[in-house]
PDB file of N, CA and C in Angstrom:
ATOM      1  N   MET A   1     -19.496 -60.644 -82.661  1.00  0.00           N
ATOM      2  CA  MET A   1     -18.327 -60.470 -81.152  1.00  0.00           C
ATOM      3  C   MET A   1     -17.869 -59.472 -81.040  1.00  0.00           C
ATOM      4  N   LYS A   2     -17.778 -59.144 -79.815  1.00  0.00           N
ATOM      5  CA  LYS A   2     -17.654 -57.685 -79.591  1.00  0.00           C
ATOM      6  C   LYS A   2     -16.130 -57.679 -79.476  1.00  0.00           C
ATOM      7  N   GLU A   3     -16.164 -56.297 -79.782  1.00  0.00           N
ATOM      8  CA  GLU A   3     -14.866 -55.211 -79.922  1.00  0.00           C
ATOM      9  C   GLU A   3     -14.145 -54.895 -78.642  1.00  0.00           C
ATOM     10  N   LYS A   4     -13.039 -55.445 -78.410  1.00  0.00           N
ATOM     11  CA  LYS A   4     -12.609 -54.479 -77.090  1.00  0.00           C
ATOM     12  C   LYS A   4     -12.622 -53.334 -77.144  1.00  0.00           C
ATOM     13  N   ASP A   5     -12.908 -52.409 -75.960  1.00  0.00           N
ATOM     14  CA  ASP A   5     -13.134 -50.913 -75.926  1.00  0.00           C
ATOM     15  C   ASP A   5     -11.424 -50.714 -75.244  1.00  0.00           C
ATOM     16  N   ASN A   6     -10.923 -50.073 -76.199  1.00  0.00           N
ATOM     17  CA  ASN A   6      -9.219 -49.542 -76.290  1.00  0.00           C
ATOM     18  C   ASN A   6      -9.120 -47.863 -75.495  1.00  0.00           C
ATOM     19  N   SER A   7     -10.330 -47.986 -74.827  1.00  0.00           N
ATOM     20  CA  SER A   7     -10.660 -46.384 -74.090  1.00  0.00           C
ATOM     21  C   SER A   7      -9.740 -46.453 -73.013  1.00  0.00           C
ATOM     22  N   PRO A   8      -8.612 -45.585 -72.172  1.00  0.00           N
ATOM     23  CA  PRO A   8      -8.123 -45.451 -71.232  1.00  0.00           C
ATOM     24  C   PRO A   8      -8.950 -45.743 -69.849  1.00  0.00           C
ATOM     25  N   MET A   9      -8.456 -46.528 -69.524  1.00  0.00           N
ATOM     26  CA  MET A   9      -9.523 -46.776 -67.964  1.00  0.00           C
ATOM     27  C   MET A   9      -8.949 -45.077 -67.077  1.00  0.00           C
ATOM     28  N   GLU A  10     -10.317 -44.877 -66.176  1.00  0.00           N
ATOM     29  CA  GLU A  10     -10.381 -43.818 -65.501  1.00  0.00           C
ATOM     30  C   GLU A  10      -9.464 -43.927 -64.492  1.00  0.00           C
ATOM     31  N   LEU A  11      -8.336 -42.944 -64.088  1.00  0.00           N
ATOM     32  CA  LEU A  11      -7.646 -43.099 -62.786  1.00  0.00           C
ATOM     33  C   LEU A  11      -8.207 -42.724 -61.939  1.00  0.00           C
ATOM     34  N   PRO A  12      -8.056 -43.404 -60.344  1.00  0.00           N
ATOM     35  CA  PRO A  12      -8.283 -42.442 -59.352  1.00  0.00           C
ATOM     36  C   PRO A  12      -7.699 -41.171 -59.506  1.00  0.00           C
ATOM     37  N   LYS A  13      -8.399 -40.618 -58.464  1.00  0.00           N
ATOM     38  CA  LYS A  13      -8.421 -39.316 -58.450  1.00  0.00           C
ATOM     39  C   LYS A  13      -6.383 -38.719 -58.028  1.00  0.00           C
ATOM     40  N   MET A  14      -6.266 -39.436 -57.282  1.00  0.00           N
ATOM     41  CA  MET A  14      -4.913 -39.087 -56.341  1.00  0.00           C
ATOM     42  C   MET A  14      -3.994 -38.958 -57.716  1.00  0.00           C
ATOM     43  N   GLN A  15      -4.171 -40.522 -58.300  1.00  0.00           N
ATOM     44  CA  GLN A  15      -2.946 -40.088 -59.886  1.00  0.00           C
ATOM     45  C   GLN A  15      -2.912 -39.079 -60.620  1.00  0.00           C
ATOM     46  N   ARG A  16      -4.519 -38.909 -60.978  1.00  0.00           N
ATOM     47  CA  ARG A  16      -5.001 -38.018 -62.218  1.00  0.00           C
ATOM     48  C   ARG A  16      -4.279 -36.605 -61.907  1.00  0.00           C
ATOM     49  N   GLU A  17      -4.336 -36.331 -60.537  1.00  0.00           N
ATOM     50  CA  GLU A  17      -3.327 -35.038 -59.916  1.00  0.00           C
ATOM     51  C   GLU A  17      -2.269 -34.748 -59.777  1.00  0.00           C
ATOM     52  N   GLY A  18      -1.408 -36.113 -59.799  1.00  0.00           N
ATOM     53  CA  GLY A  18      -0.279 -35.937 -59.403  1.00  0.00           C
ATOM     54  C   GLY A  18       0.051 -35.364 -58.400  1.00  0.00           C
ATOM     55  N   ASN A  19       0.836 -34.198 -57.984  1.00  0.00           N
ATOM     56  CA  ASN A  19       1.049 -33.675 -56.855  1.00  0.00           C
ATOM     57  C   ASN A  19       0.363 -33.722 -55.687  1.00  0.00           C
ATOM     58  N   ASN A  20      -0.675 -34.177 -55.755  1.00  0.00           N
ATOM     59  CA  ASN A  20      -1.604 -33.629 -54.527  1.00  0.00           C
ATOM     60  C   ASN A  20      -1.596 -34.981 -54.091  1.00  0.00           C
ATOM     61  N   TYR A  21      -0.932 -36.409 -54.348  1.00  0.00           N
ATOM     62  CA  TYR A  21      -0.659 -37.616 -53.463  1.00  0.00           C
ATOM     63  C   TYR A  21      -0.589 -37.322 -52.637  1.00  0.00           C
ATOM     64  N   ALA A  22       0.196 -37.022 -52.007  1.00  0.00           N
ATOM     65  CA  ALA A  22       1.175 -36.492 -50.221  1.00  0.00           C
ATOM     66  C   ALA A  22      -0.151 -36.101 -49.945  1.00  0.00           C
ATOM     67  N   LYS A  23      -0.518 -34.888 -49.916  1.00  0.00           N
ATOM     68  CA  LYS A  23      -1.290 -34.353 -49.307  1.00  0.00           C
ATOM     69  C   LYS A  23      -2.690 -35.261 -48.796  1.00  0.00           C
ATOM     70  N   ASP A  24      -3.018 -36.008 -50.098  1.00  0.00           N
ATOM     71  CA  ASP A  24      -4.258 -37.249 -49.880  1.00  0.00           C
ATOM     72  C   ASP A  24      -3.782 -38.100 -48.813  1.00  0.00           C
ATOM     73  N   VAL A  25      -2.772 -38.963 -48.914  1.00  0.00           N
ATOM     74  CA  VAL A  25      -2.029 -39.578 -47.967  1.00  0.00           C
ATOM     75  C   VAL A  25      -2.215 -38.616 -46.235  1.00  0.00           C
ATOM     76  N   LYS A  26      -1.893 -37.380 -46.122  1.00  0.00           N
ATOM     77  CA  LYS A  26      -1.577 -36.855 -45.402  1.00  0.00           C
ATOM     78  C   LYS A  26      -3.197 -36.347 -44.927  1.00  0.00           C
ATOM     79  N   GLU A  27      -4.039 -36.530 -45.695  1.00  0.00           N
ATOM     80  CA  GLU A  27      -5.206 -35.953 -44.640  1.00  0.00           C
ATOM     81  C   GLU A  27      -5.946 -38.027 -44.789  1.00  0.00           C
ATOM     82  N   ILE A  28      -6.012 -38.623 -45.310  1.00  0.00           N
ATOM     83  CA  ILE A  28      -6.061 -39.844 -44.807  1.00  0.00           C
ATOM     84  C   ILE A  28      -5.693 -40.208 -43.724  1.00  0.00           C
ATOM     85  N   ARG A  29      -3.914 -40.074 -43.532  1.00  0.00           N
ATOM     86  CA  ARG A  29      -3.591 -40.575 -42.021  1.00  0.00           C
ATOM     87  C   ARG A  29      -4.221 -39.518 -40.811  1.00  0.00           C
ATOM     88  N   GLU A  30      -4.432 -38.728 -41.109  1.00  0.00           N
ATOM     89  CA  GLU A  30      -4.913 -37.414 -39.853  1.00  0.00           C
ATOM     90  C   GLU A  30      -6.638 -37.939 -39.512  1.00  0.00           C
ATOM     91  N   ALA A  31      -7.522 -38.343 -40.145  1.00  0.00           N
ATOM     92  CA  ALA A  31      -8.624 -39.109 -40.325  1.00  0.00           C
ATOM     93  C   ALA A  31      -8.523 -40.277 -39.844  1.00  0.00           C
ATOM     94  N   ARG A  32      -7.608 -40.948 -40.310  1.00  0.00           N
ATOM     95  CA  ARG A  32      -7.511 -42.457 -39.292  1.00  0.00           C
ATOM     96  C   ARG A  32      -6.854 -42.378 -37.799  1.00  0.00           C
ATOM     97  N   GLU A  33      -6.174 -41.716 -37.712  1.00  0.00           N
ATOM     98  CA  GLU A  33      -5.778 -40.863 -36.240  1.00  0.00           C
ATOM     99  C   GLU A  33      -6.789 -40.744 -35.500  1.00  0.00           C
ATOM    100  N   LYS A  34      -7.884 -39.462 -35.926  1.00  0.00           N
ATOM    101  CA  LYS A  34      -8.865 -39.221 -35.268  1.00  0.00           C
ATOM    102  C   LYS A  34     -10.128 -40.325 -34.529  1.00  0.00           C
ATOM    103  N   MET A  35     -10.070 -41.047 -35.959  1.00  0.00           N
ATOM    104  CA  MET A  35     -11.136 -42.414 -35.804  1.00  0.00           C
ATOM    105  C   MET A  35     -10.289 -43.391 -35.052  1.00  0.00           C
ATOM    106  N   GLU A  36      -9.151 -43.100 -34.939  1.00  0.00           N
ATOM    107  CA  GLU A  36      -8.413 -44.600 -33.650  1.00  0.00           C
ATOM    108  C   GLU A  36      -8.860 -43.573 -32.081  1.00  0.00           C
ATOM    109  N   GLU A  37      -8.575 -42.114 -32.077  1.00  0.00           N
ATOM    110  CA  GLU A  37      -8.804 -41.282 -30.768  1.00  0.00           C
ATOM    111  C   GLU A  37     -10.164 -41.742 -30.182  1.00  0.00           C
ATOM    112  N   VAL A  38     -10.901 -41.729 -31.043  1.00  0.00           N
ATOM    113  CA  VAL A  38     -12.657 -41.880 -30.912  1.00  0.00           C
ATOM    114  C   VAL A  38     -12.544 -43.105 -30.476  1.00  0.00           C
ATOM    115  N   VAL A  39     -12.661 -44.221 -30.958  1.00  0.00           N
ATOM    116  CA  VAL A  39     -12.560 -45.208 -31.010  1.00  0.00           C
ATOM    117  C   VAL A  39     -11.953 -45.900 -29.614  1.00  0.00           C
ATOM    118  N   TYR A  40     -10.851 -45.857 -29.816  1.00  0.00           N
ATOM    119  CA  TYR A  40      -9.879 -46.442 -28.183  1.00  0.00           C
ATOM    120  C   TYR A  40      -9.409 -45.457 -27.556  1.00  0.00           C
ATOM    121  N   GLY A  41      -9.815 -44.414 -27.642  1.00  0.00           N
ATOM    122  CA  GLY A  41      -9.503 -43.172 -26.522  1.00  0.00           C
ATOM    123  C   GLY A  41      -7.832 -42.843 -26.351  1.00  0.00           C
ATOM    124  N   SER A  42      -7.608 -42.282 -25.290  1.00  0.00           N
ATOM    125  CA  SER A  42      -6.588 -41.565 -24.954  1.00  0.00           C
ATOM    126  C   SER A  42      -5.810 -42.994 -24.997  1.00  0.00           C
ATOM    127  N   ASN A  43      -4.352 -43.031 -25.286  1.00  0.00           N
ATOM    128  CA  ASN A  43      -3.069 -43.540 -24.679  1.00  0.00           C
ATOM    129  C   ASN A  43      -3.031 -44.379 -23.586  1.00  0.00           C
ATOM    130  N   ARG A  44      -3.679 -43.461 -22.942  1.00  0.00           N
ATOM    131  CA  ARG A  44      -3.195 -43.768 -20.871  1.00  0.00           C
ATOM    132  C   ARG A  44      -4.304 -44.891 -20.931  1.00  0.00           C
ATOM    133  N   PHE A  45      -5.467 -44.763 -20.932  1.00  0.00           N
ATOM    134  CA  PHE A  45      -6.853 -45.541 -20.941  1.00  0.00           C
ATOM    135  C   PHE A  45      -6.402 -46.938 -21.896  1.00  0.00           C
ATOM    136  N   LEU A  46      -5.337 -46.873 -22.793  1.00  0.00           N
ATOM    137  CA  LEU A  46      -5.701 -48.052 -23.601  1.00  0.00           C
ATOM    138  C   LEU A  46      -4.289 -48.960 -23.300  1.00  0.00           C
ATOM    139  N   VAL A  47      -3.217 -48.209 -22.612  1.00  0.00           N
ATOM    140  CA  VAL A  47      -2.252 -48.770 -21.907  1.00  0.00           C
ATOM    141  C   VAL A  47      -2.866 -49.926 -20.678  1.00  0.00           C
ATOM    142  N   ILE A  48      -3.673 -48.710 -19.556  1.00  0.00           N
ATOM    143  CA  ILE A  48      -4.288 -49.614 -18.742  1.00  0.00           C
ATOM    144  C   ILE A  48      -5.370 -50.209 -18.743  1.00  0.00           C
ATOM    145  N   ARG A  49      -6.201 -50.402 -19.656  1.00  0.00           N
ATOM    146  CA  ARG A  49      -6.872 -51.601 -20.116  1.00  0.00           C
ATOM    147  C   ARG A  49      -6.098 -52.668 -20.086  1.00  0.00           C
ATOM    148  N   ASN A  50      -4.818 -52.276 -21.336  1.00  0.00           N
ATOM    149  CA  ASN A  50      -4.176 -53.892 -21.849  1.00  0.00           C
ATOM    150  C   ASN A  50      -3.742 -54.244 -20.806  1.00  0.00           C
ATOM    151  N   VAL A  51      -2.911 -53.819 -19.976  1.00  0.00           N
ATOM    152  CA  VAL A  51      -2.466 -54.283 -18.634  1.00  0.00           C
ATOM    153  C   VAL A  51      -3.810 -55.035 -18.169  1.00  0.00           C
ATOM    154  N   LEU A  52      -4.508 -54.538 -17.810  1.00  0.00           N
ATOM    155  CA  LEU A  52      -5.857 -54.767 -16.526  1.00  0.00           C
ATOM    156  C   LEU A  52      -6.587 -56.131 -17.464  1.00  0.00           C
ATOM    157  N   ASN A  53      -6.715 -56.570 -18.899  1.00  0.00           N
ATOM    158  CA  ASN A  53      -6.642 -57.319 -19.608  1.00  0.00           C
ATOM    159  C   ASN A  53      -5.585 -58.962 -19.207  1.00  0.00           C
ATOM    160  N   LEU A  54      -4.361 -58.260 -19.657  1.00  0.00           N
ATOM    161  CA  LEU A  54      -3.255 -59.609 -19.259  1.00  0.00           C
ATOM    162  C   LEU A  54      -3.486 -60.254 -17.905  1.00  0.00           C
ATOM    163  N   VAL A  55      -3.311 -59.333 -17.382  1.00  0.00           N
ATOM    164  CA  VAL A  55      -3.300 -59.590 -16.159  1.00  0.00           C
ATOM    165  C   VAL A  55      -4.797 -60.385 -15.353  1.00  0.00           C
ATOM    166  N   PHE A  56      -5.576 -60.208 -15.841  1.00  0.00           N
ATOM    167  CA  PHE A  56      -7.065 -61.059 -15.998  1.00  0.00           C
ATOM    168  C   PHE A  56      -6.761 -62.342 -16.469  1.00  0.00           C
ATOM    169  N   ILE A  57      -5.973 -62.233 -17.610  1.00  0.00           N
ATOM    170  CA  ILE A  57      -5.884 -63.427 -18.370  1.00  0.00           C
ATOM    171  C   ILE A  57      -4.728 -64.477 -17.163  1.00  0.00           C
ATOM    172  N   VAL A  58      -4.023 -64.043 -17.009  1.00  0.00           N
ATOM    173  CA  VAL A  58      -3.038 -64.459 -16.127  1.00  0.00           C
ATOM    174  C   VAL A  58      -3.743 -65.093 -14.442  1.00  0.00           C
ATOM    175  N   LEU A  59      -4.320 -64.603 -13.980  1.00  0.00           N
ATOM    176  CA  LEU A  59      -4.984 -64.578 -13.232  1.00  0.00           C
ATOM    177  C   LEU A  59      -5.947 -65.575 -13.061  1.00  0.00           C
ATOM    178  N   ALA A  60      -6.773 -65.539 -14.487  1.00  0.00           N
ATOM    179  CA  ALA A  60      -7.482 -66.738 -14.358  1.00  0.00           C
ATOM    180  C   ALA A  60      -6.887 -68.073 -14.618  1.00  0.00           C
ATOM    181  N   VAL A  61      -5.973 -68.114 -15.625  1.00  0.00           N
ATOM    182  CA  VAL A  61      -5.252 -69.081 -15.673  1.00  0.00           C
ATOM    183  C   VAL A  61      -4.594 -69.813 -14.537  1.00  0.00           C
ATOM    184  N   ILE A  62      -4.299 -68.983 -13.849  1.00  0.00           N
ATOM    185  CA  ILE A  62      -3.624 -69.670 -12.510  1.00  0.00           C
ATOM    186  C   ILE A  62      -4.918 -70.221 -11.559  1.00  0.00           C
ATOM    187  N   GLY A  63      -5.882 -69.126 -11.913  1.00  0.00           N
ATOM    188  CA  GLY A  63      -7.422 -69.737 -10.872  1.00  0.00           C
ATOM    189  C   GLY A  63      -7.737 -71.032 -11.146  1.00  0.00           C
ATOM    190  N   VAL A  64      -7.883 -71.101 -12.289  1.00  0.00           N
ATOM    191  CA  VAL A  64      -8.361 -72.626 -13.094  1.00  0.00           C
ATOM    192  C   VAL A  64      -7.308 -73.579 -12.365  1.00  0.00           C
ATOM    193  N   ALA A  65      -6.128 -73.224 -12.702  1.00  0.00           N
ATOM    194  CA  ALA A  65      -4.995 -74.457 -12.148  1.00  0.00           C
ATOM    195  C   ALA A  65      -4.771 -74.319 -10.898  1.00  0.00           C
ATOM    196  N   VAL A  66      -5.047 -73.683  -9.960  1.00  0.00           N
ATOM    197  CA  VAL A  66      -5.071 -73.769  -8.398  1.00  0.00           C
ATOM    198  C   VAL A  66      -6.220 -74.733  -8.330  1.00  0.00           C
ATOM    199  N   TYR A  67      -7.594 -74.195  -8.855  1.00  0.00           N
ATOM    200  CA  TYR A  67      -9.104 -75.133  -8.089  1.00  0.00           C
ATOM    201  C   TYR A  67      -8.989 -75.879  -8.474  1.00  0.00           C
ATOM    202  N   LEU A  68      -8.240 -76.482  -9.789  1.00  0.00           N
ATOM    203  CA  LEU A  68      -8.224 -78.055 -10.407  1.00  0.00           C
ATOM    204  C   LEU A  68      -7.297 -78.697  -9.430  1.00  0.00           C
ATOM    205  N   LEU A  69      -5.899 -78.472  -9.157  1.00  0.00           N
ATOM    206  CA  LEU A  69      -4.973 -79.344  -8.831  1.00  0.00           C
ATOM    207  C   LEU A  69      -4.830 -78.888  -7.544  1.00  0.00           C
ATOM    208  N   GLN A  70      -5.227 -77.709  -6.683  1.00  0.00           N
ATOM    209  CA  GLN A  70      -4.629 -77.443  -5.272  1.00  0.00           C
ATOM    210  C   GLN A  70      -6.053 -77.473  -4.554  1.00  0.00           C
ATOM    211  N   SER A  71      -6.427 -76.474  -4.145  1.00  0.00           N
ATOM    212  CA  SER A  71      -7.593 -75.838  -3.744  1.00  0.00           C
ATOM    213  C   SER A  71      -8.644 -75.124  -3.894  1.00  0.00           C
ATOM    214  N   GLU A  72     -10.032 -75.896  -4.083  1.00  0.00           N
ATOM    215  CA  GLU A  72     -11.032 -75.032  -4.634  1.00  0.00           C
ATOM    216  C   GLU A  72     -11.569 -73.458  -3.864  1.00  0.00           C
ATOM    217  N   THR A  73     -11.309 -73.803  -2.680  1.00  0.00           N
ATOM    218  CA  THR A  73     -11.388 -72.342  -2.289  1.00  0.00           C
ATOM    219  C   THR A  73     -10.458 -71.212  -2.384  1.00  0.00           C
ATOM    220  N   VAL A  74      -8.870 -71.482  -2.602  1.00  0.00           N
ATOM    221  CA  VAL A  74      -7.983 -70.421  -3.273  1.00  0.00           C
ATOM    222  C   VAL A  74      -8.081 -70.192  -4.174  1.00  0.00           C
ATOM    223  N   GLY A  75      -8.629 -71.452  -5.503  1.00  0.00           N
ATOM    224  CA  GLY A  75      -8.695 -70.877  -6.283  1.00  0.00           C
ATOM    225  C   GLY A  75     -10.002 -70.245  -6.975  1.00  0.00           C
ATOM    226  N   THR A  76     -10.951 -70.290  -6.171  1.00  0.00           N
ATOM    227  CA  THR A  76     -12.180 -69.594  -5.967  1.00  0.00           C
ATOM    228  C   THR A  76     -11.728 -68.012  -5.926  1.00  0.00           C
ATOM    229  N   VAL A  77     -11.051 -67.975  -4.893  1.00  0.00           N
ATOM    230  CA  VAL A  77     -10.561 -66.914  -4.304  1.00  0.00           C
ATOM    231  C   VAL A  77      -9.820 -65.487  -5.611  1.00  0.00           C
ATOM    232  N   ILE A  78      -8.701 -66.930  -5.982  1.00  0.00           N
ATOM    233  CA  ILE A  78      -8.191 -65.793  -7.348  1.00  0.00           C
ATOM    234  C   ILE A  78      -9.269 -65.525  -8.466  1.00  0.00           C
ATOM    235  N   LEU A  79     -10.083 -66.676  -8.917  1.00  0.00           N
ATOM    236  CA  LEU A  79     -11.059 -66.209  -9.932  1.00  0.00           C
ATOM    237  C   LEU A  79     -11.908 -64.935  -9.632  1.00  0.00           C
ATOM    238  N   ILE A  80     -12.553 -64.840  -8.468  1.00  0.00           N
ATOM    239  CA  ILE A  80     -12.908 -63.407  -8.337  1.00  0.00           C
ATOM    240  C   ILE A  80     -12.054 -62.738  -8.174  1.00  0.00           C
ATOM    241  N   PHE A  81     -11.006 -62.425  -7.920  1.00  0.00           N
ATOM    242  CA  PHE A  81      -9.925 -61.021  -7.997  1.00  0.00           C
ATOM    243  C   PHE A  81      -9.957 -61.008  -9.292  1.00  0.00           C
ATOM    244  N   ALA A  82      -9.814 -61.745 -10.459  1.00  0.00           N
ATOM    245  CA  ALA A  82      -9.869 -61.812 -11.512  1.00  0.00           C
ATOM    246  C   ALA A  82     -11.077 -61.472 -12.294  1.00  0.00           C
ATOM    247  N   ILE A  83     -11.938 -61.663 -12.376  1.00  0.00           N
ATOM    248  CA  ILE A  83     -13.429 -61.314 -12.387  1.00  0.00           C
ATOM    249  C   ILE A  83     -13.741 -59.537 -11.599  1.00  0.00           C
ATOM    250  N   ILE A  84     -13.317 -59.098 -10.689  1.00  0.00           N
ATOM    251  CA  ILE A  84     -13.419 -58.022 -10.093  1.00  0.00           C
ATOM    252  C   ILE A  84     -12.621 -57.088 -10.938  1.00  0.00           C
ATOM    253  N   LEU A  85     -10.868 -57.367 -11.442  1.00  0.00           N
ATOM    254  CA  LEU A  85     -10.221 -56.788 -12.482  1.00  0.00           C
ATOM    255  C   LEU A  85     -11.049 -56.793 -13.910  1.00  0.00           C
ATOM    256  N   LYS A  86     -11.450 -57.663 -14.451  1.00  0.00           N
ATOM    257  CA  LYS A  86     -12.349 -57.581 -15.622  1.00  0.00           C
ATOM    258  C   LYS A  86     -13.651 -56.451 -15.531  1.00  0.00           C
ATOM    259  N   PHE A  87     -13.879 -56.527 -14.618  1.00  0.00           N
ATOM    260  CA  PHE A  87     -15.332 -55.242 -13.930  1.00  0.00           C
ATOM    261  C   PHE A  87     -14.628 -53.824 -14.527  1.00  0.00           C
ATOM    262  N   ALA A  88     -13.594 -53.721 -13.656  1.00  0.00           N
ATOM    263  CA  ALA A  88     -12.989 -52.769 -13.963  1.00  0.00           C
ATOM    264  C   ALA A  88     -12.367 -52.029 -14.974  1.00  0.00           C
ATOM    265  N   GLU A  89     -11.796 -53.199 -16.200  1.00  0.00           N
ATOM    266  CA  GLU A  89     -11.615 -52.802 -17.177  1.00  0.00           C
ATOM    267  C   GLU A  89     -12.465 -52.481 -17.975  1.00  0.00           C
ATOM    268  N   THR A  90     -13.660 -53.588 -17.309  1.00  0.00           N
ATOM    269  CA  THR A  90     -14.798 -52.807 -18.644  1.00  0.00           C
ATOM    270  C   THR A  90     -15.706 -51.633 -18.377  1.00  0.00           C
ATOM    271  N   ILE A  91     -15.170 -50.892 -16.523  1.00  0.00           N
ATOM    272  CA  ILE A  91     -16.209 -49.914 -16.454  1.00  0.00           C
ATOM    273  C   ILE A  91     -15.112 -48.998 -16.921  1.00  0.00           C
ATOM    274  N   LEU A  92     -13.696 -48.401 -17.081  1.00  0.00           N
ATOM    275  CA  LEU A  92     -12.988 -47.868 -18.207  1.00  0.00           C
ATOM    276  C   LEU A  92     -13.071 -48.095 -19.572  1.00  0.00           C
ATOM    277  N   ARG A  93     -13.695 -48.795 -19.612  1.00  0.00           N
ATOM    278  CA  ARG A  93     -14.323 -49.289 -21.390  1.00  0.00           C
ATOM    279  C   ARG A  93     -15.255 -48.231 -21.713  1.00  0.00           C
ATOM    280  N   ILE A  94     -16.594 -48.297 -20.413  1.00  0.00           N
ATOM    281  CA  ILE A  94     -17.455 -48.009 -20.652  1.00  0.00           C
ATOM    282  C   ILE A  94     -17.767 -46.220 -20.621  1.00  0.00           C
ATOM    283  N   MET A  95     -16.918 -45.998 -19.929  1.00  0.00           N
ATOM    284  CA  MET A  95     -16.895 -44.798 -19.056  1.00  0.00           C
ATOM    285  C   MET A  95     -16.155 -43.519 -20.115  1.00  0.00           C
ATOM    286  N   HIS A  96     -15.056 -44.209 -20.803  1.00  0.00           N
ATOM    287  CA  HIS A  96     -14.760 -43.130 -21.970  1.00  0.00           C
ATOM    288  C   HIS A  96     -15.207 -43.152 -23.480  1.00  0.00           C
TER     289      HIS A  96
END
């Protein structure tokens, strides 16, 4: 039979040093904010992109409903406009 190892477990660095925990949390938060800035860009572009995506989704649903229930021509125009908005959002995402 193997004997149980009663040695204390190695504590993470933050717990071993005690008072540096707040400093480590602050560093992690700052690093995450920098990463989000790189990934998502500035908040202004993120808000614009979210609005364009929302409008695209609404127009796509309306366009499909109009296409199927009312007029194919009007539905097609609405869908084309929705696609133009999606292109604009994609261009903002690529350029930033």
